[in-house]
Amino acid sequence: MWIDVPGSKVQRSRNLFLFLNFLIEINYHGEVSVKGAYFPTPCGGINNRRRVIMRIRDVMTKDPVTVNSDTLVFDARKIMKEKNFRRLPVVEKGKLVGIVTLQDINEAVPAPTSSSSAHEYYSVYSKMKVNEIMKANPFTVTPDTPFEQALKIGQDKKISSYLVVENGKLVGIATESDLVRFVTRVLGLQDEGARITIEGLGGKPGELHQVISILDQHTTPILSMMSFQKADKNEWMIVLRLKTKNPGPIVNDLKKGGLKVTTVA
């Protein structure tokens, strides 16, 4: 079953989860693999594809930086600024009790607009503690939560990060930055290779098998593969990232096979 997201614009934060949903393939056992993702093997064919079972533990940042409920908001904001964070889990006696975000701080203590309000601002700001503005008892997932389930939770609950708890202890956090790193890895963007776009698919059976067979003949590993249905036509296009510096012979054989190659980069 393929999950597709309508439209083409990918925005930050929650909309990133929609984009990731597009990249996920779910099998009948509830296991998750990256949609069309192939990893370097002796050849790039279907029989050599490895299903990647994705869990939150594969994406999360382990042992995240935390604060306690008595931490001053001033100090929490300082930590966020120094480490370029937008949120901090709040832990008390080893137990997760809340989360505080930069948005929470900005809403609780608006920036001063005059010298008189500045005095009041610093008076309040210097004494305020995290437990006064944090979101208590936040939603959590476990390290083994299936990735597609977490994505659905993110959309339903309108959250853009996951606190990961195991045996009552906070063990990780998955944020937008973690997901971007995940997408980079999934799409093979960190590996040198070539990108080939093939359009006009869907008119006859066996087209994908034909593409894979040609790649097999050239023993070319597939770094990633994504399929898109064109909005204005009843046809599909696929974008391949291949582990090769010389895609020319592959492109020639694709064209000889009657496939419409539109982009090579």
Protein backbone atom coordinates (compact mmCIF):
# COMPACT_ATOMS: atom_id res chain seq x y z
CA MET A 1 0.00 0.00 0.00
CA TRP A 2 1.40 3.36 -1.00
CA ILE A 3 0.58 6.52 0.96
CA ASP A 4 0.55 9.69 -1.11
CA VAL A 5 0.21 13.29 0.02
CA PRO A 6 -1.72 15.64 -2.27
CA GLY A 7 0.04 18.76 -3.46
CA SER A 8 3.72 19.45 -3.83
CA LYS A 9 4.62 22.07 -1.20
CA VAL A 10 6.50 20.83 1.82
CA GLN A 11 6.42 23.23 4.75
CA ARG A 12 8.29 23.07 8.00
CA SER A 13 7.03 21.63 11.27
CA ARG A 14 3.78 19.64 11.03
CA ASN A 15 3.71 19.57 7.23
CA LEU A 16 7.05 17.77 7.33
CA PHE A 17 5.15 14.84 8.84
CA LEU A 18 2.86 14.81 5.80
CA PHE A 19 5.88 14.64 3.52
CA LEU A 20 7.33 11.77 5.53
CA ASN A 21 4.03 9.93 5.28
CA PHE A 22 4.53 10.06 1.52
CA LEU A 23 7.86 8.29 1.91
CA ILE A 24 6.52 5.38 3.94
CA GLU A 25 5.37 1.99 2.71
CA ILE A 26 3.35 -0.13 5.16
CA ASN A 27 3.11 -3.88 4.80
CA TYR A 28 0.31 -6.09 6.11
CA HIS A 29 2.17 -6.83 9.36
CA GLY A 30 2.32 -3.16 10.31
CA GLU A 31 6.02 -2.99 9.57
CA VAL A 32 7.43 0.09 7.91
CA SER A 33 9.92 0.55 5.14
CA VAL A 34 10.94 3.66 3.32
CA LYS A 35 8.82 4.07 0.23
CA GLY A 36 10.82 2.84 -2.73
CA ALA A 37 14.08 3.08 -0.80
CA TYR A 38 16.84 0.81 -2.00
CA PHE A 39 20.28 0.48 -0.49
CA PRO A 40 23.63 -0.21 -2.19
CA THR A 41 23.98 -3.90 -3.03
CA PRO A 42 25.99 -5.79 -5.66
CA CYS A 43 23.18 -4.92 -8.05
CA GLY A 44 20.11 -2.77 -7.76
CA GLY A 45 17.37 -5.27 -8.52
CA ILE A 46 14.18 -6.13 -6.73
CA ASN A 47 15.52 -9.39 -5.33
CA ASN A 48 18.30 -7.50 -3.59
CA ARG A 49 16.07 -4.93 -1.92
CA ARG A 50 16.27 -4.80 1.89
CA ARG A 51 13.13 -3.83 3.78
CA VAL A 52 13.95 -1.24 6.39
CA ILE A 53 11.86 -1.62 9.54
CA MET A 54 11.58 1.89 10.91
CA ARG A 55 10.90 2.62 14.57
CA ILE A 56 11.13 5.86 16.49
CA ARG A 57 14.42 4.64 18.02
CA ASP A 58 15.93 4.84 14.50
CA VAL A 59 15.17 8.55 14.26
CA MET A 60 15.32 9.96 17.78
CA THR A 61 18.13 11.85 19.49
CA LYS A 62 19.18 9.81 22.51
CA ASP A 63 19.62 11.21 26.04
CA PRO A 64 18.27 14.70 25.26
CA VAL A 65 19.14 17.83 27.23
CA THR A 66 16.54 18.44 29.95
CA VAL A 67 15.63 20.94 32.66
CA ASN A 68 13.75 20.47 35.94
CA SER A 69 10.53 22.14 36.99
CA ASP A 70 12.32 24.67 39.23
CA THR A 71 14.64 25.85 36.46
CA LEU A 72 14.24 29.56 35.83
CA VAL A 73 12.63 30.41 32.51
CA PHE A 74 15.59 32.75 31.91
CA ASP A 75 17.98 29.79 32.19
CA ALA A 76 15.81 27.55 30.01
CA ARG A 77 15.77 30.17 27.29
CA LYS A 78 19.54 30.57 27.57
CA ILE A 79 20.00 26.80 27.05
CA MET A 80 17.73 26.90 24.00
CA LYS A 81 19.66 29.80 22.51
CA GLU A 82 23.08 28.26 23.13
CA LYS A 83 22.15 24.86 21.75
CA ASN A 84 19.76 26.10 19.05
CA PHE A 85 16.82 24.20 20.57
CA ARG A 86 13.16 25.15 20.40
CA ARG A 87 11.97 22.88 23.20
CA LEU A 88 13.22 21.21 26.38
CA PRO A 89 11.77 18.19 28.21
CA VAL A 90 11.14 18.83 31.91
CA VAL A 91 12.26 16.01 34.21
CA GLU A 92 11.76 15.68 37.98
CA LYS A 93 13.48 12.91 39.96
CA GLY A 94 14.12 11.00 36.76
CA LYS A 95 10.50 11.20 35.59
CA LEU A 96 9.22 13.20 32.64
CA VAL A 97 6.70 15.77 33.92
CA GLY A 98 6.39 18.24 31.04
CA ILE A 99 7.85 20.07 28.10
CA VAL A 100 8.59 23.76 27.63
CA THR A 101 9.02 25.40 24.24
CA LEU A 102 10.44 28.69 23.04
CA GLN A 103 6.92 29.61 21.97
CA ASP A 104 5.67 28.98 25.53
CA ILE A 105 8.32 31.38 26.85
CA ASN A 106 7.58 34.07 24.27
CA GLU A 107 3.85 33.90 24.99
CA ALA A 108 4.33 33.96 28.76
CA VAL A 109 6.82 36.83 28.77
CA PRO A 110 6.28 39.10 25.74
CA ALA A 111 9.24 41.31 24.83
CA PRO A 112 9.07 44.83 26.33
CA THR A 113 7.90 47.70 24.15
CA SER A 114 9.04 50.60 26.35
CA SER A 115 11.49 51.37 29.14
CA SER A 116 8.76 51.06 31.78
CA SER A 117 7.56 47.73 30.47
CA ALA A 118 11.18 46.58 30.28
CA HIS A 119 11.55 46.96 34.03
CA GLU A 120 8.39 44.90 34.61
CA TYR A 121 9.54 42.40 32.01
CA TYR A 122 12.86 41.65 33.72
CA SER A 123 11.23 41.67 37.15
CA VAL A 124 8.81 38.92 36.13
CA TYR A 125 11.21 37.10 33.81
CA SER A 126 13.97 36.78 36.41
CA LYS A 127 11.71 34.97 38.89
CA MET A 128 9.48 32.83 36.67
CA LYS A 129 10.06 29.07 36.77
CA VAL A 130 9.56 26.49 34.09
CA ASN A 131 6.74 24.75 35.98
CA GLU A 132 4.62 27.90 35.61
CA ILE A 133 4.49 27.73 31.82
CA MET A 134 5.35 24.16 30.81
CA LYS A 135 2.87 21.74 29.26
CA ALA A 136 2.41 19.07 31.93
CA ASN A 137 2.09 15.34 31.23
CA PRO A 138 2.96 15.56 27.52
CA PHE A 139 2.14 12.81 25.07
CA THR A 140 4.90 10.21 24.74
CA VAL A 141 5.86 7.28 22.54
CA THR A 142 8.15 4.31 23.11
CA PRO A 143 11.35 3.58 21.17
CA ASP A 144 9.55 0.72 19.43
CA THR A 145 6.56 2.79 18.29
CA PRO A 146 6.21 2.09 14.54
CA PHE A 147 7.20 5.09 12.49
CA GLU A 148 3.93 5.31 10.55
CA GLN A 149 1.97 5.24 13.81
CA ALA A 150 4.03 8.12 15.15
CA LEU A 151 3.42 10.10 11.98
CA LYS A 152 -0.33 9.63 12.31
CA ILE A 153 -0.17 10.73 15.95
CA GLY A 154 1.76 13.83 14.89
CA GLN A 155 -0.98 14.79 12.47
CA ASP A 156 -3.92 13.93 14.73
CA LYS A 157 -2.53 15.67 17.81
CA LYS A 158 -0.87 18.51 15.89
CA ILE A 159 2.50 17.94 17.51
CA SER A 160 5.86 18.41 15.84
CA SER A 161 8.10 16.46 18.21
CA TYR A 162 7.97 13.19 20.12
CA LEU A 163 9.16 12.52 23.65
CA VAL A 164 10.37 8.92 23.87
CA VAL A 165 9.94 7.09 27.18
CA GLU A 166 11.02 3.57 28.10
CA ASN A 167 10.42 1.95 31.49
CA GLY A 168 9.32 5.28 32.88
CA LYS A 169 12.52 7.06 31.82
CA LEU A 170 12.99 9.66 29.10
CA VAL A 171 15.42 8.10 26.62
CA GLY A 172 15.06 10.31 23.56
CA ILE A 173 13.31 12.99 21.56
CA ALA A 174 12.47 13.14 17.86
CA THR A 175 12.16 16.64 16.41
CA GLU A 176 11.87 18.20 12.96
CA SER A 177 15.67 18.30 12.72
CA ASP A 178 15.89 14.55 13.38
CA LEU A 179 13.29 13.96 10.68
CA VAL A 180 15.16 16.11 8.17
CA ARG A 181 18.32 14.07 8.85
CA PHE A 182 16.25 10.94 8.36
CA VAL A 183 14.91 12.16 5.00
CA THR A 184 18.43 13.06 3.90
CA ARG A 185 19.59 9.54 4.70
CA VAL A 186 16.54 7.90 3.14
CA LEU A 187 16.88 9.79 -0.13
CA GLY A 188 20.59 9.06 -0.32
CA LEU A 189 21.41 12.76 -0.47
CA GLN A 190 24.64 12.28 1.45
CA ASP A 191 25.93 9.90 -1.23
CA GLU A 192 27.37 11.00 -4.55
CA GLY A 193 25.23 9.81 -7.42
CA ALA A 194 22.95 10.63 -10.34
CA ARG A 195 19.27 11.54 -10.45
CA ILE A 196 17.07 10.29 -13.29
CA THR A 197 13.41 11.26 -13.79
CA ILE A 198 11.14 9.05 -15.86
CA GLU A 199 7.66 10.30 -16.81
CA GLY A 200 4.63 8.96 -18.66
CA LEU A 201 4.34 5.76 -16.64
CA GLY A 202 1.17 3.84 -15.84
CA GLY A 203 0.02 3.05 -19.36
CA LYS A 204 1.09 -0.59 -19.36
CA PRO A 205 1.99 -3.27 -16.80
CA GLY A 206 5.60 -4.19 -16.10
CA GLU A 207 7.11 -0.71 -16.54
CA LEU A 208 8.75 -0.62 -13.11
CA HIS A 209 10.09 -4.13 -13.60
CA GLN A 210 11.55 -2.96 -16.91
CA VAL A 211 13.36 -0.08 -15.17
CA ILE A 212 14.75 -2.37 -12.47
CA SER A 213 15.87 -4.92 -15.04
CA ILE A 214 17.87 -2.27 -16.91
CA LEU A 215 19.53 -1.19 -13.68
CA ASP A 216 20.31 -4.86 -12.96
CA GLN A 217 22.04 -5.14 -16.32
CA HIS A 218 24.29 -2.24 -15.34
CA THR A 219 24.73 -3.58 -11.76
CA THR A 220 23.80 -0.12 -10.48
CA PRO A 221 22.65 0.25 -6.85
CA ILE A 222 19.55 2.37 -6.24
CA LEU A 223 20.04 4.91 -3.46
CA SER A 224 16.35 5.84 -3.47
CA MET A 225 13.23 5.76 -5.61
CA MET A 226 10.10 7.88 -5.33
CA SER A 227 6.90 7.80 -7.37
CA PHE A 228 4.53 10.70 -7.99
CA GLN A 229 1.14 10.79 -9.66
CA LYS A 230 0.89 13.85 -11.89
CA ALA A 231 -2.08 15.98 -10.91
CA ASP A 232 -3.13 17.01 -14.40
CA LYS A 233 -2.77 13.63 -16.07
CA ASN A 234 -3.59 10.01 -15.34
CA GLU A 235 0.07 9.03 -15.32
CA TRP A 236 3.00 8.60 -12.96
CA MET A 237 6.60 9.67 -12.80
CA ILE A 238 9.47 8.18 -10.82
CA VAL A 239 12.63 9.84 -9.57
CA LEU A 240 15.66 7.58 -9.16
CA ARG A 241 18.86 8.36 -7.31
CA LEU A 242 21.55 5.96 -8.46
CA LYS A 243 25.02 5.22 -7.13
CA THR A 244 26.86 6.00 -10.33
CA LYS A 245 28.95 8.82 -11.79
CA ASN A 246 28.13 7.84 -15.35
CA PRO A 247 24.37 7.53 -15.92
CA GLY A 248 24.68 7.92 -19.70
CA PRO A 249 24.59 4.22 -20.68
CA ILE A 250 21.66 3.60 -18.32
CA VAL A 251 19.72 6.54 -19.78
CA ASN A 252 20.36 5.29 -23.31
CA ASP A 253 18.99 1.84 -22.47
CA LEU A 254 15.96 3.32 -20.71
CA LYS A 255 15.17 5.36 -23.81
CA LYS A 256 15.73 2.37 -26.09
CA GLY A 257 13.16 0.53 -23.98
CA GLY A 258 10.57 3.19 -24.80
CA LEU A 259 10.75 4.96 -21.43
CA LYS A 260 10.43 8.74 -21.30
CA VAL A 261 13.51 10.08 -19.50
CA THR A 262 12.98 13.80 -18.88
CA THR A 263 15.71 14.79 -16.42
CA VAL A 264 19.26 13.62 -15.74
CA ALA A 265 21.36 15.37 -13.10
